[in-house]
Amino acid sequence: MGDFAKWKTKYETNIDFVDQQHKPCWDNEQASCQSDGLQRRRRASFRIAQRKSVNYVGEHFASEEKWMLETGYPEYERQKGEHQKFISS
């Protein structure tokens, strides 16, 4: 498995529910895609991971933005803008 697929503490936000949502991105589909030696299965794994990622992003950003509003997070507008840029790219 490549180094990019391993969760690192530098990715942590120190917000438990956010970190719990982020961590599977590194631990699951990317890792299985990297460890699979067959090209066809790697492509299939990547397509599955891609679909799951698209669904995950919408749910994750919504829960993160809800938390920011509920806690009065001072960088809410900037972070929401980052989410919008990510989605539209």
PDB file of N, CA and C in Angstrom:
ATOM      1  N   MET A   1       0.849  -1.171   0.000  1.00  0.00           N
ATOM      2  CA  MET A   1       0.000   0.000   0.000  1.00  0.00           C
ATOM      3  C   MET A   1       0.892   1.230   0.000  1.00  0.00           C
ATOM      4  N   GLY A   2       0.568   2.189  -0.856  1.00  0.00           N
ATOM      5  CA  GLY A   2       1.357   3.403  -0.918  1.00  0.00           C
ATOM      6  C   GLY A   2       1.183   4.260   0.317  1.00  0.00           C
ATOM      7  N   ASP A   3       2.162   5.090   0.577  1.00  0.00           N
ATOM      8  CA  ASP A   3       2.118   5.969   1.750  1.00  0.00           C
ATOM      9  C   ASP A   3       0.910   6.896   1.746  1.00  0.00           C
ATOM     10  N   PHE A   4       0.449   7.291   0.563  1.00  0.00           N
ATOM     11  CA  PHE A   4      -0.681   8.224   0.499  1.00  0.00           C
ATOM     12  C   PHE A   4      -1.945   7.633   1.088  1.00  0.00           C
ATOM     13  N   ALA A   5      -2.048   6.320   1.148  1.00  0.00           N
ATOM     14  CA  ALA A   5      -3.264   5.674   1.626  1.00  0.00           C
ATOM     15  C   ALA A   5      -3.280   5.482   3.136  1.00  0.00           C
ATOM     16  N   LYS A   6      -2.241   5.858   3.821  1.00  0.00           N
ATOM     17  CA  LYS A   6      -2.179   5.675   5.272  1.00  0.00           C
ATOM     18  C   LYS A   6      -2.623   6.954   5.989  1.00  0.00           C
ATOM     19  N   TRP A   7      -3.479   6.777   6.968  1.00  0.00           N
ATOM     20  CA  TRP A   7      -3.946   7.904   7.782  1.00  0.00           C
ATOM     21  C   TRP A   7      -2.779   8.440   8.600  1.00  0.00           C
ATOM     22  N   LYS A   8      -2.644   9.737   8.631  1.00  0.00           N
ATOM     23  CA  LYS A   8      -1.582  10.369   9.410  1.00  0.00           C
ATOM     24  C   LYS A   8      -2.208  11.376  10.367  1.00  0.00           C
ATOM     25  N   THR A   9      -1.584  11.539  11.520  1.00  0.00           N
ATOM     26  CA  THR A   9      -2.136  12.458  12.510  1.00  0.00           C
ATOM     27  C   THR A   9      -2.175  13.891  11.989  1.00  0.00           C
ATOM     28  N   LYS A  10      -1.338  14.231  11.018  1.00  0.00           N
ATOM     29  CA  LYS A  10      -1.373  15.599  10.485  1.00  0.00           C
ATOM     30  C   LYS A  10      -2.688  15.908   9.765  1.00  0.00           C
ATOM     31  N   TYR A  11      -3.473  14.878   9.429  1.00  0.00           N
ATOM     32  CA  TYR A  11      -4.773  15.087   8.784  1.00  0.00           C
ATOM     33  C   TYR A  11      -5.870  15.385   9.806  1.00  0.00           C
ATOM     34  N   GLU A  12      -5.598  15.182  11.089  1.00  0.00           N
ATOM     35  CA  GLU A  12      -6.625  15.331  12.113  1.00  0.00           C
ATOM     36  C   GLU A  12      -7.014  16.788  12.318  1.00  0.00           C
ATOM     37  N   THR A  13      -8.309  16.980  12.570  1.00  0.00           N
ATOM     38  CA  THR A  13      -8.840  18.312  12.846  1.00  0.00           C
ATOM     39  C   THR A  13      -9.033  18.534  14.343  1.00  0.00           C
ATOM     40  N   ASN A  14      -8.970  17.451  15.133  1.00  0.00           N
ATOM     41  CA  ASN A  14      -9.263  17.454  16.562  1.00  0.00           C
ATOM     42  C   ASN A  14     -10.736  17.693  16.851  1.00  0.00           C
ATOM     43  N   ILE A  15     -11.574  17.461  15.843  1.00  0.00           N
ATOM     44  CA  ILE A  15     -13.026  17.447  16.007  1.00  0.00           C
ATOM     45  C   ILE A  15     -13.410  15.997  15.747  1.00  0.00           C
ATOM     46  N   ASP A  16     -13.811  15.285  16.806  1.00  0.00           N
ATOM     47  CA  ASP A  16     -13.965  13.829  16.730  1.00  0.00           C
ATOM     48  C   ASP A  16     -14.814  13.357  15.555  1.00  0.00           C
ATOM     49  N   PHE A  17     -16.027  13.910  15.386  1.00  0.00           N
ATOM     50  CA  PHE A  17     -16.888  13.387  14.341  1.00  0.00           C
ATOM     51  C   PHE A  17     -16.322  13.667  12.953  1.00  0.00           C
ATOM     52  N   VAL A  18     -15.614  14.768  12.797  1.00  0.00           N
ATOM     53  CA  VAL A  18     -15.000  15.079  11.496  1.00  0.00           C
ATOM     54  C   VAL A  18     -13.877  14.088  11.206  1.00  0.00           C
ATOM     55  N   ASP A  19     -13.014  13.853  12.176  1.00  0.00           N
ATOM     56  CA  ASP A  19     -11.923  12.903  11.983  1.00  0.00           C
ATOM     57  C   ASP A  19     -12.453  11.498  11.723  1.00  0.00           C
ATOM     58  N   GLN A  20     -13.536  11.124  12.398  1.00  0.00           N
ATOM     59  CA  GLN A  20     -14.125   9.802  12.179  1.00  0.00           C
ATOM     60  C   GLN A  20     -14.670   9.668  10.767  1.00  0.00           C
ATOM     61  N   GLN A  21     -15.118  10.775  10.178  1.00  0.00           N
ATOM     62  CA  GLN A  21     -15.605  10.735   8.803  1.00  0.00           C
ATOM     63  C   GLN A  21     -14.453  10.774   7.807  1.00  0.00           C
ATOM     64  N   HIS A  22     -13.386  11.480   8.129  1.00  0.00           N
ATOM     65  CA  HIS A  22     -12.241  11.580   7.214  1.00  0.00           C
ATOM     66  C   HIS A  22     -11.448  10.280   7.115  1.00  0.00           C
ATOM     67  N   LYS A  23     -11.218   9.628   8.253  1.00  0.00           N
ATOM     68  CA  LYS A  23     -10.287   8.498   8.309  1.00  0.00           C
ATOM     69  C   LYS A  23     -10.612   7.367   7.337  1.00  0.00           C
ATOM     70  N   PRO A  24     -11.868   6.963   7.163  1.00  0.00           N
ATOM     71  CA  PRO A  24     -12.132   5.852   6.235  1.00  0.00           C
ATOM     72  C   PRO A  24     -11.686   6.120   4.797  1.00  0.00           C
ATOM     73  N   CYS A  25     -11.575   7.362   4.422  1.00  0.00           N
ATOM     74  CA  CYS A  25     -11.103   7.667   3.068  1.00  0.00           C
ATOM     75  C   CYS A  25      -9.723   7.083   2.829  1.00  0.00           C
ATOM     76  N   TRP A  26      -8.920   7.072   3.838  1.00  0.00           N
ATOM     77  CA  TRP A  26      -7.565   6.544   3.707  1.00  0.00           C
ATOM     78  C   TRP A  26      -7.535   5.046   3.974  1.00  0.00           C
ATOM     79  N   ASP A  27      -8.350   4.585   4.882  1.00  0.00           N
ATOM     80  CA  ASP A  27      -8.228   3.212   5.358  1.00  0.00           C
ATOM     81  C   ASP A  27      -8.912   2.162   4.488  1.00  0.00           C
ATOM     82  N   ASN A  28      -9.912   2.514   3.721  1.00  0.00           N
ATOM     83  CA  ASN A  28     -10.723   1.496   3.063  1.00  0.00           C
ATOM     84  C   ASN A  28     -10.422   1.323   1.587  1.00  0.00           C
ATOM     85  N   GLU A  29     -11.165   2.006   0.758  1.00  0.00           N
ATOM     86  CA  GLU A  29     -11.098   1.756  -0.672  1.00  0.00           C
ATOM     87  C   GLU A  29      -9.739   2.063  -1.277  1.00  0.00           C
ATOM     88  N   GLN A  30      -9.097   3.136  -0.854  1.00  0.00           N
ATOM     89  CA  GLN A  30      -7.784   3.449  -1.425  1.00  0.00           C
ATOM     90  C   GLN A  30      -6.795   2.342  -1.121  1.00  0.00           C
ATOM     91  N   ALA A  31      -6.841   1.837   0.083  1.00  0.00           N
ATOM     92  CA  ALA A  31      -5.904   0.790   0.477  1.00  0.00           C
ATOM     93  C   ALA A  31      -6.150  -0.482  -0.318  1.00  0.00           C
ATOM     94  N   SER A  32      -7.407  -0.880  -0.479  1.00  0.00           N
ATOM     95  CA  SER A  32      -7.679  -2.106  -1.220  1.00  0.00           C
ATOM     96  C   SER A  32      -7.332  -1.933  -2.683  1.00  0.00           C
ATOM     97  N   CYS A  33      -7.533  -0.764  -3.215  1.00  0.00           N
ATOM     98  CA  CYS A  33      -7.186  -0.486  -4.606  1.00  0.00           C
ATOM     99  C   CYS A  33      -5.676  -0.608  -4.796  1.00  0.00           C
ATOM    100  N   GLN A  34      -4.907  -0.137  -3.839  1.00  0.00           N
ATOM    101  CA  GLN A  34      -3.451  -0.185  -3.938  1.00  0.00           C
ATOM    102  C   GLN A  34      -2.919  -1.593  -3.771  1.00  0.00           C
ATOM    103  N   SER A  35      -3.538  -2.391  -2.904  1.00  0.00           N
ATOM    104  CA  SER A  35      -2.982  -3.699  -2.601  1.00  0.00           C
ATOM    105  C   SER A  35      -3.393  -4.756  -3.621  1.00  0.00           C
ATOM    106  N   ASP A  36      -4.368  -4.492  -4.436  1.00  0.00           N
ATOM    107  CA  ASP A  36      -4.849  -5.455  -5.424  1.00  0.00           C
ATOM    108  C   ASP A  36      -3.926  -5.451  -6.631  1.00  0.00           C
ATOM    109  N   GLY A  37      -3.382  -6.605  -6.996  1.00  0.00           N
ATOM    110  CA  GLY A  37      -2.423  -6.690  -8.089  1.00  0.00           C
ATOM    111  C   GLY A  37      -3.039  -6.801  -9.464  1.00  0.00           C
ATOM    112  N   LEU A  38      -4.314  -7.059  -9.605  1.00  0.00           N
ATOM    113  CA  LEU A  38      -4.936  -7.254 -10.905  1.00  0.00           C
ATOM    114  C   LEU A  38      -5.501  -5.925 -11.423  1.00  0.00           C
ATOM    115  N   GLN A  39      -5.072  -5.556 -12.616  1.00  0.00           N
ATOM    116  CA  GLN A  39      -5.456  -4.256 -13.190  1.00  0.00           C
ATOM    117  C   GLN A  39      -6.973  -4.073 -13.264  1.00  0.00           C
ATOM    118  N   ARG A  40      -7.692  -5.079 -13.707  1.00  0.00           N
ATOM    119  CA  ARG A  40      -9.146  -4.955 -13.851  1.00  0.00           C
ATOM    120  C   ARG A  40      -9.815  -4.733 -12.497  1.00  0.00           C
ATOM    121  N   ARG A  41      -9.387  -5.476 -11.494  1.00  0.00           N
ATOM    122  CA  ARG A  41      -9.970  -5.319 -10.158  1.00  0.00           C
ATOM    123  C   ARG A  41      -9.602  -3.974  -9.564  1.00  0.00           C
ATOM    124  N   ARG A  42      -8.407  -3.489  -9.845  1.00  0.00           N
ATOM    125  CA  ARG A  42      -8.005  -2.166  -9.351  1.00  0.00           C
ATOM    126  C   ARG A  42      -8.906  -1.089  -9.946  1.00  0.00           C
ATOM    127  N   ARG A  43      -9.177  -1.198 -11.243  1.00  0.00           N
ATOM    128  CA  ARG A  43     -10.074  -0.205 -11.870  1.00  0.00           C
ATOM    129  C   ARG A  43     -11.474  -0.271 -11.276  1.00  0.00           C
ATOM    130  N   ALA A  44     -11.982  -1.477 -11.060  1.00  0.00           N
ATOM    131  CA  ALA A  44     -13.306  -1.633 -10.456  1.00  0.00           C
ATOM    132  C   ALA A  44     -13.323  -1.076  -9.035  1.00  0.00           C
ATOM    133  N   SER A  45     -12.280  -1.366  -8.271  1.00  0.00           N
ATOM    134  CA  SER A  45     -12.185  -0.837  -6.906  1.00  0.00           C
ATOM    135  C   SER A  45     -12.145   0.680  -6.913  1.00  0.00           C
ATOM    136  N   PHE A  46     -11.414   1.236  -7.876  1.00  0.00           N
ATOM    137  CA  PHE A  46     -11.326   2.688  -7.965  1.00  0.00           C
ATOM    138  C   PHE A  46     -12.684   3.295  -8.304  1.00  0.00           C
ATOM    139  N   ARG A  47     -13.427   2.693  -9.227  1.00  0.00           N
ATOM    140  CA  ARG A  47     -14.758   3.219  -9.578  1.00  0.00           C
ATOM    141  C   ARG A  47     -15.698   3.176  -8.375  1.00  0.00           C
ATOM    142  N   ILE A  48     -15.638   2.088  -7.620  1.00  0.00           N
ATOM    143  CA  ILE A  48     -16.466   1.982  -6.410  1.00  0.00           C
ATOM    144  C   ILE A  48     -16.068   3.060  -5.406  1.00  0.00           C
ATOM    145  N   ALA A  49     -14.766   3.226  -5.196  1.00  0.00           N
ATOM    146  CA  ALA A  49     -14.279   4.244  -4.260  1.00  0.00           C
ATOM    147  C   ALA A  49     -14.687   5.630  -4.722  1.00  0.00           C
ATOM    148  N   GLN A  50     -14.625   5.855  -6.013  1.00  0.00           N
ATOM    149  CA  GLN A  50     -14.993   7.157  -6.570  1.00  0.00           C
ATOM    150  C   GLN A  50     -16.468   7.461  -6.297  1.00  0.00           C
ATOM    151  N   ARG A  51     -17.340   6.486  -6.549  1.00  0.00           N
ATOM    152  CA  ARG A  51     -18.773   6.682  -6.287  1.00  0.00           C
ATOM    153  C   ARG A  51     -19.043   6.936  -4.805  1.00  0.00           C
ATOM    154  N   LYS A  52     -18.400   6.138  -3.954  1.00  0.00           N
ATOM    155  CA  LYS A  52     -18.587   6.318  -2.512  1.00  0.00           C
ATOM    156  C   LYS A  52     -18.076   7.687  -2.071  1.00  0.00           C
ATOM    157  N   SER A  53     -16.991   8.127  -2.651  1.00  0.00           N
ATOM    158  CA  SER A  53     -16.414   9.418  -2.283  1.00  0.00           C
ATOM    159  C   SER A  53     -17.349  10.559  -2.633  1.00  0.00           C
ATOM    160  N   VAL A  54     -17.958  10.500  -3.811  1.00  0.00           N
ATOM    161  CA  VAL A  54     -18.892  11.554  -4.221  1.00  0.00           C
ATOM    162  C   VAL A  54     -20.060  11.631  -3.243  1.00  0.00           C
ATOM    163  N   ASN A  55     -20.624  10.485  -2.897  1.00  0.00           N
ATOM    164  CA  ASN A  55     -21.732  10.466  -1.928  1.00  0.00           C
ATOM    165  C   ASN A  55     -21.280  10.957  -0.559  1.00  0.00           C
ATOM    166  N   TYR A  56     -20.113  10.512  -0.156  1.00  0.00           N
ATOM    167  CA  TYR A  56     -19.572  10.883   1.147  1.00  0.00           C
ATOM    168  C   TYR A  56     -19.356  12.383   1.266  1.00  0.00           C
ATOM    169  N   VAL A  57     -18.811  12.994   0.228  1.00  0.00           N
ATOM    170  CA  VAL A  57     -18.465  14.415   0.277  1.00  0.00           C
ATOM    171  C   VAL A  57     -19.685  15.267   0.611  1.00  0.00           C
ATOM    172  N   GLY A  58     -20.795  15.016  -0.059  1.00  0.00           N
ATOM    173  CA  GLY A  58     -22.005  15.794   0.216  1.00  0.00           C
ATOM    174  C   GLY A  58     -22.466  15.658   1.653  1.00  0.00           C
ATOM    175  N   GLU A  59     -22.509  14.429   2.143  1.00  0.00           N
ATOM    176  CA  GLU A  59     -22.936  14.189   3.526  1.00  0.00           C
ATOM    177  C   GLU A  59     -21.951  14.786   4.523  1.00  0.00           C
ATOM    178  N   HIS A  60     -20.674  14.613   4.252  1.00  0.00           N
ATOM    179  CA  HIS A  60     -19.654  15.108   5.169  1.00  0.00           C
ATOM    180  C   HIS A  60     -19.669  16.628   5.254  1.00  0.00           C
ATOM    181  N   PHE A  61     -19.684  17.294   4.102  1.00  0.00           N
ATOM    182  CA  PHE A  61     -19.688  18.753   4.112  1.00  0.00           C
ATOM    183  C   PHE A  61     -20.929  19.286   4.818  1.00  0.00           C
ATOM    184  N   ALA A  62     -22.081  18.657   4.607  1.00  0.00           N
ATOM    185  CA  ALA A  62     -23.312  19.100   5.269  1.00  0.00           C
ATOM    186  C   ALA A  62     -23.184  18.981   6.790  1.00  0.00           C
ATOM    187  N   SER A  63     -22.655  17.867   7.271  1.00  0.00           N
ATOM    188  CA  SER A  63     -22.540  17.704   8.729  1.00  0.00           C
ATOM    189  C   SER A  63     -21.491  18.649   9.307  1.00  0.00           C
ATOM    190  N   GLU A  64     -20.422  18.863   8.565  1.00  0.00           N
ATOM    191  CA  GLU A  64     -19.382  19.787   9.029  1.00  0.00           C
ATOM    192  C   GLU A  64     -19.930  21.217   9.097  1.00  0.00           C
ATOM    193  N   GLU A  65     -20.646  21.638   8.063  1.00  0.00           N
ATOM    194  CA  GLU A  65     -21.201  23.001   8.040  1.00  0.00           C
ATOM    195  C   GLU A  65     -22.261  23.179   9.119  1.00  0.00           C
ATOM    196  N   LYS A  66     -23.064  22.149   9.359  1.00  0.00           N
ATOM    197  CA  LYS A  66     -24.059  22.219  10.446  1.00  0.00           C
ATOM    198  C   LYS A  66     -23.347  22.421  11.780  1.00  0.00           C
ATOM    199  N   TRP A  67     -22.288  21.653  12.024  1.00  0.00           N
ATOM    200  CA  TRP A  67     -21.530  21.789  13.261  1.00  0.00           C
ATOM    201  C   TRP A  67     -20.947  23.196  13.383  1.00  0.00           C
ATOM    202  N   MET A  68     -20.407  23.723  12.299  1.00  0.00           N
ATOM    203  CA  MET A  68     -19.813  25.069  12.338  1.00  0.00           C
ATOM    204  C   MET A  68     -20.853  26.119  12.700  1.00  0.00           C
ATOM    205  N   LEU A  69     -22.058  26.014  12.120  1.00  0.00           N
ATOM    206  CA  LEU A  69     -23.121  26.966  12.441  1.00  0.00           C
ATOM    207  C   LEU A  69     -23.550  26.836  13.901  1.00  0.00           C
ATOM    208  N   GLU A  70     -23.710  25.607  14.363  1.00  0.00           N
ATOM    209  CA  GLU A  70     -24.160  25.364  15.747  1.00  0.00           C
ATOM    210  C   GLU A  70     -23.149  25.845  16.783  1.00  0.00           C
ATOM    211  N   THR A  71     -21.876  25.816  16.450  1.00  0.00           N
ATOM    212  CA  THR A  71     -20.848  26.200  17.417  1.00  0.00           C
ATOM    213  C   THR A  71     -20.334  27.616  17.206  1.00  0.00           C
ATOM    214  N   GLY A  72     -20.845  28.310  16.197  1.00  0.00           N
ATOM    215  CA  GLY A  72     -20.389  29.668  15.928  1.00  0.00           C
ATOM    216  C   GLY A  72     -18.959  29.716  15.402  1.00  0.00           C
ATOM    217  N   TYR A  73     -18.583  28.703  14.670  1.00  0.00           N
ATOM    218  CA  TYR A  73     -17.232  28.617  14.112  1.00  0.00           C
ATOM    219  C   TYR A  73     -16.905  29.884  13.335  1.00  0.00           C
ATOM    220  N   PRO A  74     -15.847  30.603  13.698  1.00  0.00           N
ATOM    221  CA  PRO A  74     -15.572  31.914  13.103  1.00  0.00           C
ATOM    222  C   PRO A  74     -15.159  31.865  11.622  1.00  0.00           C
ATOM    223  N   GLU A  75     -14.690  30.752  11.150  1.00  0.00           N
ATOM    224  CA  GLU A  75     -14.250  30.637   9.755  1.00  0.00           C
ATOM    225  C   GLU A  75     -15.283  29.926   8.881  1.00  0.00           C
ATOM    226  N   TYR A  76     -16.552  29.950   9.305  1.00  0.00           N
ATOM    227  CA  TYR A  76     -17.606  29.234   8.590  1.00  0.00           C
ATOM    228  C   TYR A  76     -17.679  29.637   7.117  1.00  0.00           C
ATOM    229  N   GLU A  77     -17.758  30.903   6.832  1.00  0.00           N
ATOM    230  CA  GLU A  77     -17.922  31.352   5.439  1.00  0.00           C
ATOM    231  C   GLU A  77     -16.736  30.931   4.575  1.00  0.00           C
ATOM    232  N   ARG A  78     -15.531  31.063   5.115  1.00  0.00           N
ATOM    233  CA  ARG A  78     -14.345  30.665   4.359  1.00  0.00           C
ATOM    234  C   ARG A  78     -14.358  29.162   4.090  1.00  0.00           C
ATOM    235  N   GLN A  79     -14.676  28.389   5.130  1.00  0.00           N
ATOM    236  CA  GLN A  79     -14.689  26.934   4.973  1.00  0.00           C
ATOM    237  C   GLN A  79     -15.785  26.490   4.027  1.00  0.00           C
ATOM    238  N   LYS A  80     -16.955  27.110   4.123  1.00  0.00           N
ATOM    239  CA  LYS A  80     -18.045  26.771   3.206  1.00  0.00           C
ATOM    240  C   LYS A  80     -17.620  27.081   1.775  1.00  0.00           C
ATOM    241  N   GLY A  81     -16.913  28.171   1.580  1.00  0.00           N
ATOM    242  CA  GLY A  81     -16.394  28.505   0.258  1.00  0.00           C
ATOM    243  C   GLY A  81     -15.412  27.453  -0.244  1.00  0.00           C
ATOM    244  N   GLU A  82     -14.576  26.940   0.663  1.00  0.00           N
ATOM    245  CA  GLU A  82     -13.639  25.871   0.284  1.00  0.00           C
ATOM    246  C   GLU A  82     -14.406  24.622  -0.138  1.00  0.00           C
ATOM    247  N   HIS A  83     -15.480  24.324   0.585  1.00  0.00           N
ATOM    248  CA  HIS A  83     -16.302  23.170   0.221  1.00  0.00           C
ATOM    249  C   HIS A  83     -16.894  23.371  -1.178  1.00  0.00           C
ATOM    250  N   GLN A  84     -17.413  24.573  -1.434  1.00  0.00           N
ATOM    251  CA  GLN A  84     -18.003  24.853  -2.746  1.00  0.00           C
ATOM    252  C   GLN A  84     -16.974  24.717  -3.861  1.00  0.00           C
ATOM    253  N   LYS A  85     -15.762  25.225  -3.613  1.00  0.00           N
ATOM    254  CA  LYS A  85     -14.697  25.092  -4.623  1.00  0.00           C
ATOM    255  C   LYS A  85     -14.378  23.632  -4.883  1.00  0.00           C
ATOM    256  N   PHE A  86     -14.308  22.848  -3.825  1.00  0.00           N
ATOM    257  CA  PHE A  86     -13.997  21.437  -3.955  1.00  0.00           C
ATOM    258  C   PHE A  86     -15.067  20.715  -4.782  1.00  0.00           C
ATOM    259  N   ILE A  87     -16.330  21.005  -4.483  1.00  0.00           N
ATOM    260  CA  ILE A  87     -17.444  20.350  -5.174  1.00  0.00           C
ATOM    261  C   ILE A  87     -17.480  20.735  -6.653  1.00  0.00           C
ATOM    262  N   SER A  88     -17.186  21.984  -6.938  1.00  0.00           N
ATOM    263  CA  SER A  88     -17.292  22.437  -8.335  1.00  0.00           C
ATOM    264  C   SER A  88     -16.058  22.134  -9.177  1.00  0.00           C
ATOM    265  N   SER A  89     -15.005  21.620  -8.548  1.00  0.00           N
ATOM    266  CA  SER A  89     -13.811  21.317  -9.343  1.00  0.00           C
ATOM    267  C   SER A  89     -13.837  19.937  -9.943  1.00  0.00           C
TER     268      SER A  89
END
